Amino acid sequence: MLFALGFLGLCRSAASVALTHGAARAADFMVVAGMSAPSEMCLISTAGLARLEDCAAAIARRDGSEQWRFQAGGQLFHPASGTCATGGGRGAPVALGDCGSAGAWSVEGNGQWRHRSLCLSQKGGVARRENAAAVAAAAASSSMNPAAHGAWAAVDDDPASSWVSKMNEKGPVSLTLHLGRPRPVDSLRIVWDYPAKAFSVACADAHGQWAEVFATSVNTLRSTSIPLGGLAAATVRITMTEPHPLLGAFQGHTVYGISSVFVAAPGTQAVLDDCPTAASSRDARDKYFAVAAAATGADAALRSPDDSKAPLLAAQAALSSHLGELAKLAASGCVNVTSLQGMRARPLPTLPTHTLTPEAAEASDLLRMAKTLVVGVRSELM
């Protein structure tokens, strides 16, 4: 289905953007794709590349990534980053760079957006987020049984299978995912079978340059979601350095285990293509519409991302730290932990994705874990 009349349809009919040279070009707008997709998609910029993202999600992020503006010379300007959209030859990705050398864009009567002799299009399958880990080559530094619990089991999209390390590993244990090519990665979700209390996540670019993007020493969650903000990554590595004293135990032995890894990445990439060829696509991936933005580019550039999650994340970290100490005390033999081992087997809460954000879902799971652990320890001490 072509989402030409999605949730922004009324805005499109009520306030179209004038795309002619002159003062009207100073207005900020969103570039909404006509491409068939599960939801209405907008052109955004992250990590120096233009790509499509769900319009509602981009707007809700409040970072201005979805807003564009035409400069007097016809350059397609991105106010939030202070750069302009440009590209090389046919098939080249649309990148953001210096406006002085970016070149002009024009909007054609057939809905195509032309840059020099080529037109904006998309490379790839469906315009939605996909799991880049599903096609990744996975490798682990330790596996209990490579045939039954090898690294492949963390990326096979089967919740019943899991990668499990050897027992009682003394040093760091890593699970590495080779994505095949650099991809903009929005987030990483780890569903643990035997959680690590301390672990880190690092990403490497096409040149093998590694950068740590997340680290914790107080994990008590069985599912961890990590925002990555469109970081371009060719390889993702999860390094575990300390098992959870209760949830990371199997028959009295420490162990690490991951049921699944979800690496959220866009299913398409914004590229430049031959205009007639792009026009022949069956899903209208060469059609784009300018929709008046709710704020000016200057406002968007000054807006900071929504920091309302900060108190929740701080409280979650503090509670995780205290629960970790309590779990360590319980595992030390001060109480009978047999009744507490069942926490690992309890199913994760299944809540509609539109009801809770990943952060709220993790907080809900953490509170469930806290209640089970505190009540269990208290009953053993009474």
Protein backbone atom coordinates (compact mmCIF):
# COMPACT_ATOMS: atom_id res chain seq x y z
CA MET A 1 0.00 0.00 0.00
CA LEU A 2 1.29 3.41 -0.92
CA PHE A 3 1.29 5.69 2.13
CA ALA A 4 0.59 8.91 0.25
CA LEU A 5 -2.17 9.71 2.74
CA GLY A 6 -0.79 8.63 6.09
CA PHE A 7 -0.85 10.51 9.35
CA LEU A 8 0.72 13.51 7.67
CA GLY A 9 -1.76 13.51 4.81
CA LEU A 10 -3.90 16.27 6.23
CA CYS A 11 -0.82 18.41 6.79
CA ARG A 12 0.24 17.81 3.23
CA SER A 13 -3.08 19.01 1.83
CA ALA A 14 -3.38 21.92 4.26
CA ALA A 15 0.12 23.35 4.02
CA SER A 16 2.25 22.44 1.04
CA VAL A 17 5.76 23.82 0.76
CA ALA A 18 6.62 26.17 -2.06
CA LEU A 19 9.74 24.84 -3.74
CA THR A 20 10.72 27.72 -5.97
CA HIS A 21 13.67 30.06 -5.74
CA GLY A 22 13.13 32.93 -3.37
CA ALA A 23 12.08 33.58 0.19
CA ALA A 24 9.84 30.54 0.32
CA ARG A 25 12.92 28.36 0.18
CA ALA A 26 13.82 29.38 3.74
CA ALA A 27 10.89 27.36 5.14
CA ASP A 28 11.72 24.13 6.95
CA PHE A 29 10.00 20.97 5.75
CA MET A 30 10.04 17.21 6.03
CA VAL A 31 10.73 15.02 3.00
CA VAL A 32 8.07 12.29 3.12
CA ALA A 33 8.63 9.21 0.96
CA GLY A 34 5.94 7.88 -1.34
CA MET A 35 7.55 4.45 -1.16
CA SER A 36 5.37 1.55 -0.02
CA ALA A 37 6.07 0.89 3.65
CA PRO A 38 4.34 -0.33 6.83
CA SER A 39 4.25 3.28 8.06
CA GLU A 40 4.89 6.71 6.62
CA MET A 41 8.62 7.26 6.17
CA CYS A 42 10.62 10.49 6.22
CA LEU A 43 14.11 11.33 5.01
CA ILE A 44 16.41 11.97 7.98
CA SER A 45 20.12 12.39 8.55
CA THR A 46 22.15 10.40 11.07
CA ALA A 47 25.90 9.77 11.23
CA GLY A 48 26.48 11.78 8.04
CA LEU A 49 24.09 9.80 5.84
CA ALA A 50 20.55 10.41 4.61
CA ARG A 51 18.08 7.55 5.08
CA LEU A 52 14.42 6.81 5.75
CA GLU A 53 12.84 6.48 9.18
CA ASP A 54 9.32 6.27 10.49
CA CYS A 55 8.06 9.86 10.51
CA ALA A 56 6.34 9.63 13.90
CA ALA A 57 9.48 8.19 15.52
CA ALA A 58 11.69 10.87 13.98
CA ILE A 59 9.42 13.68 15.16
CA ALA A 60 9.11 12.20 18.65
CA ARG A 61 12.90 12.12 19.03
CA ARG A 62 12.94 15.94 18.92
CA ASP A 63 16.45 16.25 17.54
CA GLY A 64 15.58 17.92 14.23
CA SER A 65 16.94 15.04 12.17
CA GLU A 66 13.81 14.99 9.99
CA GLN A 67 13.89 18.69 9.02
CA TRP A 68 15.32 20.14 5.80
CA ARG A 69 15.53 23.51 4.08
CA PHE A 70 16.41 24.74 0.61
CA GLN A 71 19.16 27.32 0.48
CA ALA A 72 19.15 30.16 -2.03
CA GLY A 73 21.45 28.20 -4.36
CA GLY A 74 19.18 25.16 -4.31
CA GLN A 75 21.26 23.10 -1.84
CA LEU A 76 19.25 20.72 0.36
CA PHE A 77 20.28 21.93 3.82
CA HIS A 78 19.96 19.95 7.07
CA PRO A 79 19.70 22.57 9.85
CA ALA A 80 20.34 20.21 12.77
CA SER A 81 23.76 19.18 11.44
CA GLY A 82 24.58 22.32 9.45
CA THR A 83 25.39 20.25 6.35
CA CYS A 84 23.88 19.68 2.91
CA ALA A 85 22.82 16.54 1.04
CA THR A 86 25.02 15.42 -1.82
CA GLY A 87 26.20 12.28 -3.57
CA GLY A 88 28.63 10.83 -6.08
CA GLY A 89 27.72 8.78 -9.12
CA ARG A 90 24.86 6.41 -9.76
CA GLY A 91 24.25 4.09 -6.82
CA ALA A 92 26.26 6.27 -4.45
CA PRO A 93 24.74 6.90 -1.02
CA VAL A 94 23.31 10.32 -0.27
CA ALA A 95 25.71 11.81 2.26
CA LEU A 96 25.81 15.07 4.20
CA GLY A 97 28.71 17.41 3.69
CA ASP A 98 29.93 20.93 2.99
CA CYS A 99 27.20 23.05 1.46
CA GLY A 100 29.62 24.97 -0.74
CA SER A 101 30.33 21.92 -2.88
CA ALA A 102 27.05 20.08 -2.42
CA GLY A 103 25.29 21.21 -5.59
CA ALA A 104 21.64 22.10 -6.15
CA TRP A 105 18.54 19.94 -5.95
CA SER A 106 15.30 20.42 -7.87
CA VAL A 107 11.83 18.99 -7.39
CA GLU A 108 10.36 17.63 -10.60
CA GLY A 109 6.69 17.66 -11.51
CA ASN A 110 6.52 13.86 -11.32
CA GLY A 111 7.57 13.80 -7.67
CA GLN A 112 11.23 13.01 -8.26
CA TRP A 113 13.99 14.97 -6.52
CA ARG A 114 16.89 15.58 -8.90
CA HIS A 115 20.49 16.20 -7.90
CA ARG A 116 22.54 17.15 -10.92
CA SER A 117 21.66 14.44 -13.49
CA LEU A 118 20.49 11.78 -11.01
CA CYS A 119 17.41 11.31 -8.80
CA LEU A 120 16.87 10.40 -5.17
CA SER A 121 15.89 6.76 -4.71
CA GLN A 122 16.35 3.86 -2.29
CA LYS A 123 18.56 0.79 -2.41
CA GLY A 124 17.35 -2.31 -0.60
CA GLY A 125 14.12 -4.16 0.12
CA VAL A 126 11.40 -2.74 2.34
CA ALA A 127 11.51 0.69 3.98
CA ARG A 128 11.40 -0.42 7.59
CA ARG A 129 13.77 -1.45 10.35
CA GLU A 130 15.20 -4.92 10.02
CA ASN A 131 17.39 -7.15 12.14
CA ALA A 132 20.91 -6.90 10.74
CA ALA A 133 21.98 -9.67 13.13
CA ALA A 134 19.77 -12.16 11.26
CA VAL A 135 22.26 -12.21 8.36
CA ALA A 136 25.38 -11.70 10.46
CA ALA A 137 28.24 -14.15 10.82
CA ALA A 138 28.48 -14.81 14.56
CA ALA A 139 31.55 -15.99 16.46
CA ALA A 140 32.11 -16.60 20.17
CA SER A 141 35.33 -16.87 22.13
CA SER A 142 33.75 -19.62 24.25
CA SER A 143 30.90 -22.08 23.62
CA MET A 144 29.68 -24.88 25.87
CA ASN A 145 28.60 -26.98 22.89
CA PRO A 146 29.14 -25.43 19.44
CA ALA A 147 26.62 -27.77 17.82
CA ALA A 148 23.80 -27.12 20.28
CA HIS A 149 24.71 -23.75 21.81
CA GLY A 150 27.13 -22.14 19.38
CA ALA A 151 27.24 -18.45 18.48
CA TRP A 152 24.79 -19.09 15.62
CA ALA A 153 22.04 -19.71 18.19
CA ALA A 154 22.06 -16.05 19.25
CA VAL A 155 21.18 -14.83 15.74
CA ASP A 156 18.92 -17.59 14.38
CA ASP A 157 15.69 -15.75 15.28
CA ASP A 158 14.59 -18.70 17.41
CA PRO A 159 13.79 -17.78 21.04
CA ALA A 160 14.05 -21.44 22.02
CA SER A 161 17.75 -21.63 21.12
CA SER A 162 20.63 -19.78 22.75
CA TRP A 163 24.38 -19.36 22.72
CA VAL A 164 25.94 -20.53 25.99
CA SER A 165 29.56 -20.15 27.05
CA LYS A 166 31.70 -22.74 28.77
CA MET A 167 31.21 -22.89 32.53
CA ASN A 168 33.31 -20.99 35.03
CA GLU A 169 35.18 -18.84 32.51
CA LYS A 170 37.75 -16.70 34.33
CA GLY A 171 38.50 -14.12 31.66
CA PRO A 172 36.34 -12.00 29.34
CA VAL A 173 34.02 -13.83 26.95
CA SER A 174 32.94 -12.20 23.69
CA LEU A 175 30.21 -12.67 21.11
CA THR A 176 31.04 -10.96 17.81
CA LEU A 177 28.63 -10.24 14.95
CA HIS A 178 30.03 -9.48 11.50
CA LEU A 179 27.28 -7.59 9.64
CA GLY A 180 28.88 -8.02 6.22
CA ARG A 181 29.03 -4.32 5.39
CA PRO A 182 28.89 -1.05 7.30
CA ARG A 183 25.30 -0.26 8.22
CA PRO A 184 23.69 2.56 10.21
CA VAL A 185 22.61 0.88 13.43
CA ASP A 186 19.78 2.42 15.45
CA SER A 187 19.78 0.14 18.47
CA LEU A 188 20.89 -3.17 19.91
CA ARG A 189 18.69 -5.49 21.98
CA ILE A 190 20.11 -8.43 23.91
CA VAL A 191 17.79 -11.09 25.31
CA TRP A 192 19.77 -12.98 27.91
CA ASP A 193 19.49 -16.64 28.80
CA TYR A 194 22.20 -16.39 31.47
CA PRO A 195 22.79 -12.64 31.98
CA ALA A 196 26.13 -10.97 32.50
CA LYS A 197 26.28 -8.60 35.45
CA ALA A 198 29.14 -6.69 33.79
CA PHE A 199 29.46 -6.36 30.03
CA SER A 200 30.25 -3.87 27.30
CA VAL A 201 29.33 -3.33 23.65
CA ALA A 202 31.73 -2.04 21.00
CA CYS A 203 31.28 -1.36 17.28
CA ALA A 204 33.85 -1.32 14.49
CA ASP A 205 33.64 0.59 11.22
CA ALA A 206 34.66 -0.62 7.77
CA HIS A 207 38.33 0.04 8.63
CA GLY A 208 38.27 -2.03 11.80
CA GLN A 209 38.37 0.97 14.14
CA TRP A 210 36.63 -0.01 17.38
CA ALA A 211 34.66 2.27 19.69
CA GLU A 212 32.96 1.28 22.92
CA VAL A 213 29.32 2.40 22.86
CA PHE A 214 27.99 0.92 26.10
CA ALA A 215 29.25 -0.55 29.37
CA THR A 216 27.71 -1.53 32.68
CA SER A 217 28.78 -3.39 35.79
CA VAL A 218 25.34 -3.57 37.44
CA ASN A 219 23.11 -5.37 34.94
CA THR A 220 20.17 -7.21 36.50
CA LEU A 221 17.98 -7.30 33.40
CA ARG A 222 17.22 -10.28 31.21
CA SER A 223 16.69 -7.98 28.22
CA THR A 224 18.90 -4.99 27.48
CA SER A 225 18.12 -2.31 24.86
CA ILE A 226 20.94 0.04 23.85
CA PRO A 227 20.33 3.07 21.58
CA LEU A 228 23.09 3.60 19.02
CA GLY A 229 21.80 6.63 17.11
CA GLY A 230 22.47 5.48 13.55
CA LEU A 231 26.14 4.68 14.17
CA ALA A 232 27.75 3.12 11.09
CA ALA A 233 28.96 -0.33 12.12
CA ALA A 234 30.38 -3.29 10.24
CA THR A 235 30.98 -5.39 13.35
CA VAL A 236 29.34 -5.49 16.79
CA ARG A 237 30.98 -7.15 19.80
CA ILE A 238 29.46 -7.95 23.21
CA THR A 239 32.15 -8.57 25.84
CA MET A 240 31.09 -10.16 29.14
CA THR A 241 33.39 -9.86 32.14
CA GLU A 242 31.28 -10.92 35.16
CA PRO A 243 28.29 -13.29 35.28
CA HIS A 244 25.23 -12.43 37.31
CA PRO A 245 25.58 -14.23 40.67
CA LEU A 246 22.06 -15.70 40.50
CA LEU A 247 20.76 -15.42 36.95
CA GLY A 248 24.13 -16.37 35.44
CA ALA A 249 24.40 -19.68 37.29
CA PHE A 250 23.74 -23.23 36.10
CA GLN A 251 23.94 -26.17 38.53
CA GLY A 252 26.32 -24.28 40.75
CA HIS A 253 28.54 -23.06 37.89
CA THR A 254 28.80 -19.58 36.40
CA VAL A 255 27.94 -19.20 32.74
CA TYR A 256 26.96 -16.64 30.12
CA GLY A 257 24.09 -17.15 27.69
CA ILE A 258 22.28 -15.08 25.07
CA SER A 259 19.00 -16.17 23.54
CA SER A 260 18.85 -13.54 20.80
CA VAL A 261 20.48 -10.36 19.56
CA PHE A 262 18.51 -7.84 17.55
CA VAL A 263 20.51 -5.18 15.68
CA ALA A 264 18.00 -2.65 14.37
CA ALA A 265 19.06 -1.17 11.03
CA PRO A 266 17.17 0.50 8.18
CA GLY A 267 16.09 -1.84 5.40
CA THR A 268 16.93 0.66 2.67
CA GLN A 269 19.65 3.18 1.90
CA ALA A 270 19.13 6.57 0.25
CA VAL A 271 21.05 6.64 -3.04
CA LEU A 272 21.18 8.50 -6.33
CA ASP A 273 19.97 6.64 -9.41
CA ASP A 274 19.27 7.22 -13.07
CA CYS A 275 15.96 9.10 -13.14
CA PRO A 276 14.13 6.94 -15.75
CA THR A 277 15.32 3.77 -14.01
CA ALA A 278 14.19 5.03 -10.62
CA ALA A 279 10.80 5.98 -12.08
CA SER A 280 10.26 2.39 -13.22
CA SER A 281 10.25 1.03 -9.66
CA ARG A 282 7.04 -0.69 -8.58
CA ASP A 283 7.00 0.73 -5.06
CA ALA A 284 7.39 4.45 -5.93
CA ARG A 285 10.75 4.65 -4.17
CA ASP A 286 11.64 7.63 -6.37
CA LYS A 287 8.70 9.79 -5.18
CA TYR A 288 9.00 12.29 -2.32
CA PHE A 289 6.75 15.03 -0.94
CA ALA A 290 7.66 18.15 1.02
CA VAL A 291 5.53 18.66 4.12
CA ALA A 292 5.72 21.84 6.18
CA ALA A 293 7.57 21.25 9.44
CA ALA A 294 6.14 22.25 12.79
CA ALA A 295 9.24 24.25 13.74
CA THR A 296 11.86 26.26 11.88
CA GLY A 297 15.26 24.80 11.22
CA ALA A 298 16.82 27.31 13.61
CA ASP A 299 14.56 26.03 16.38
CA ALA A 300 15.35 22.43 15.44
CA ALA A 301 19.06 23.05 15.63
CA LEU A 302 18.72 24.49 19.13
CA ARG A 303 16.45 21.76 20.44
CA SER A 304 18.09 19.13 22.56
CA PRO A 305 16.91 15.51 22.46
CA ASP A 306 14.20 14.59 24.94
CA ASP A 307 15.91 14.13 28.29
CA SER A 308 12.78 12.95 30.11
CA LYS A 309 14.27 9.43 30.18
CA ALA A 310 17.24 10.54 32.30
CA PRO A 311 15.54 10.19 35.73
CA LEU A 312 14.19 6.74 34.79
CA LEU A 313 17.60 5.55 33.59
CA ALA A 314 19.33 6.92 36.71
CA ALA A 315 16.82 5.23 39.00
CA GLN A 316 17.14 2.01 37.03
CA ALA A 317 20.94 2.06 37.37
CA ALA A 318 20.73 2.70 41.11
CA LEU A 319 18.21 -0.10 41.66
CA SER A 320 20.27 -2.48 39.52
CA SER A 321 23.33 -1.72 41.61
CA HIS A 322 21.53 -2.49 44.89
CA LEU A 323 19.96 -5.65 43.45
CA GLY A 324 23.38 -6.79 42.29
CA GLU A 325 24.74 -6.52 45.82
CA LEU A 326 21.71 -8.34 47.19
CA ALA A 327 22.08 -11.09 44.60
CA LYS A 328 25.79 -11.45 45.46
CA LEU A 329 24.89 -11.76 49.16
CA ALA A 330 22.26 -14.39 48.38
CA ALA A 331 24.64 -16.35 46.16
CA SER A 332 27.39 -16.30 48.83
CA GLY A 333 25.47 -18.84 50.87
CA CYS A 334 23.95 -16.52 53.44
CA VAL A 335 20.51 -17.71 52.37
CA ASN A 336 19.12 -20.72 50.54
CA VAL A 337 18.91 -19.52 46.94
CA THR A 338 17.07 -22.56 45.58
CA SER A 339 13.78 -20.66 45.55
CA LEU A 340 15.45 -17.74 43.78
CA GLN A 341 16.89 -19.71 40.88
CA GLY A 342 13.45 -19.74 39.27
CA MET A 343 13.78 -16.04 38.45
CA ARG A 344 15.76 -16.88 35.33
CA ALA A 345 13.02 -19.14 33.99
CA ARG A 346 10.23 -16.61 34.46
CA PRO A 347 9.05 -15.29 31.08
CA LEU A 348 9.78 -11.74 30.14
CA PRO A 349 6.69 -9.49 30.22
CA THR A 350 5.00 -9.52 26.84
CA LEU A 351 3.68 -6.00 26.38
CA PRO A 352 2.56 -4.31 23.14
CA THR A 353 5.37 -2.23 21.66
CA HIS A 354 3.01 0.73 21.27
CA THR A 355 2.18 0.60 24.99
CA LEU A 356 5.66 0.81 26.52
CA THR A 357 8.95 2.18 25.29
CA PRO A 358 11.95 -0.19 25.53
CA GLU A 359 13.15 1.76 28.58
CA ALA A 360 9.77 1.43 30.30
CA ALA A 361 9.56 -2.29 29.47
CA GLU A 362 13.02 -2.84 30.97
CA ALA A 363 12.04 -0.84 34.06
CA SER A 364 8.94 -3.03 34.43
CA ASP A 365 11.05 -6.17 34.19
CA LEU A 366 13.55 -4.76 36.70
CA LEU A 367 10.78 -4.06 39.21
CA ARG A 368 9.46 -7.60 38.81
CA MET A 369 12.94 -8.95 39.42
CA ALA A 370 13.41 -6.69 42.45
CA LYS A 371 10.15 -7.87 44.00
CA THR A 372 11.01 -11.54 43.45
CA LEU A 373 14.53 -11.17 44.84
CA VAL A 374 13.61 -9.05 47.87
CA VAL A 375 10.61 -11.20 48.81
CA GLY A 376 12.64 -14.39 48.30
CA VAL A 377 15.55 -13.25 50.44
CA ARG A 378 13.24 -11.91 53.14
CA SER A 379 11.34 -15.19 53.35
CA GLU A 380 14.59 -17.13 53.71
CA LEU A 381 15.74 -14.86 56.56
CA MET A 382 12.50 -15.10 58.52
